[in-house]
Protein backbone atom coordinates (compact mmCIF):
# COMPACT_ATOMS: atom_id res chain seq x y z
CA UNK A 1 -11.09 -14.75 0.60
CA UNK A 2 -12.34 -11.64 2.35
CA UNK A 3 -9.06 -9.79 2.90
CA UNK A 4 -7.10 -8.89 -0.24
CA UNK A 5 -3.36 -9.62 -0.45
CA UNK A 6 -1.22 -6.98 1.29
CA UNK A 7 2.54 -6.64 0.76
CA UNK A 8 4.98 -4.11 2.22
CA UNK A 9 7.18 -2.51 -0.46
CA UNK A 10 10.96 -2.34 -0.20
CA UNK A 11 12.81 0.99 -0.33
CA UNK A 12 13.79 0.42 -3.99
CA UNK A 13 10.20 -0.44 -4.92
CA UNK A 14 9.00 2.76 -3.20
CA UNK A 15 11.43 4.88 -5.25
CA UNK A 16 10.27 3.20 -8.46
CA UNK A 17 6.60 3.64 -7.51
CA UNK A 18 6.98 7.35 -6.75
CA UNK A 19 8.73 7.82 -10.08
CA UNK A 20 6.19 5.74 -12.03
CA UNK A 21 3.16 7.53 -10.52
CA UNK A 22 4.80 10.99 -10.80
CA UNK A 23 4.27 11.70 -7.10
CA UNK A 24 5.94 14.59 -5.29
CA UNK A 25 5.79 12.70 -1.97
CA UNK A 26 4.40 9.53 -0.42
CA UNK A 27 1.70 11.54 1.33
CA UNK A 28 -0.18 11.89 -1.98
CA UNK A 29 -1.20 8.22 -1.71
CA UNK A 30 -4.32 7.13 0.18
CA UNK A 31 -3.63 6.44 3.86
CA UNK A 32 -3.79 3.33 6.01
CA UNK A 33 -3.74 3.88 9.78
CA UNK A 34 -1.16 1.64 11.46
CA UNK A 35 -2.94 1.47 14.82
CA UNK A 36 -6.46 0.96 13.41
CA UNK A 37 -6.03 -1.38 10.43
CA UNK A 38 -5.50 -5.04 11.34
CA UNK A 39 -3.46 -5.81 8.20
CA UNK A 40 -1.13 -2.90 9.03
CA UNK A 41 -0.61 -4.42 12.47
CA UNK A 42 0.02 -7.91 11.07
CA UNK A 43 2.58 -6.60 8.55
CA UNK A 44 4.26 -4.49 11.22
CA UNK A 45 3.87 -1.26 9.26
CA UNK A 46 5.17 1.98 10.68
CA UNK A 47 4.34 5.50 9.48
CA UNK A 48 5.94 6.11 6.09
CA UNK A 49 5.77 2.48 4.87
CA UNK A 50 3.90 1.79 1.65
CA UNK A 51 1.76 -1.29 1.20
CA UNK A 52 0.65 -2.83 -2.10
CA UNK A 53 -2.88 -4.24 -2.03
CA UNK A 54 -3.98 -6.66 -4.75
CA UNK A 55 -7.60 -7.70 -5.03
CA UNK A 56 -9.54 -9.68 -7.62
CA UNK A 57 -11.54 -7.78 -10.22
CA UNK A 58 -14.21 -9.14 -12.54
CA UNK A 59 -13.18 -6.84 -15.38
CA UNK A 60 -9.41 -6.52 -14.98
CA UNK A 61 -8.55 -9.87 -13.39
CA UNK A 62 -6.64 -8.22 -10.56
CA UNK A 63 -6.56 -4.64 -9.32
CA UNK A 64 -3.49 -3.27 -7.54
CA UNK A 65 -3.40 -0.10 -5.48
CA UNK A 66 -1.09 1.43 -2.90
CA UNK A 67 -1.49 3.05 0.51
CA UNK A 68 0.92 4.85 2.78
CA UNK A 69 0.95 4.08 6.50
CA UNK A 70 0.19 7.08 8.74
CA UNK A 71 -0.17 7.63 12.45
């Protein structure tokens, strides 16, 4: 598998994530460009959406990180 699993978060999950990571705003997350990234196109992301990306890791088993969709 070359492309890690991508999943768009719901509004409730976004609120919980911002609280859990102690973020002031979504813009503090790394960005994913909706018109350049193929996975963003496939998921139908629009600016402001947050995507959860899960990839395999030799040391941790799986590694999860988040990105915010930007223009």
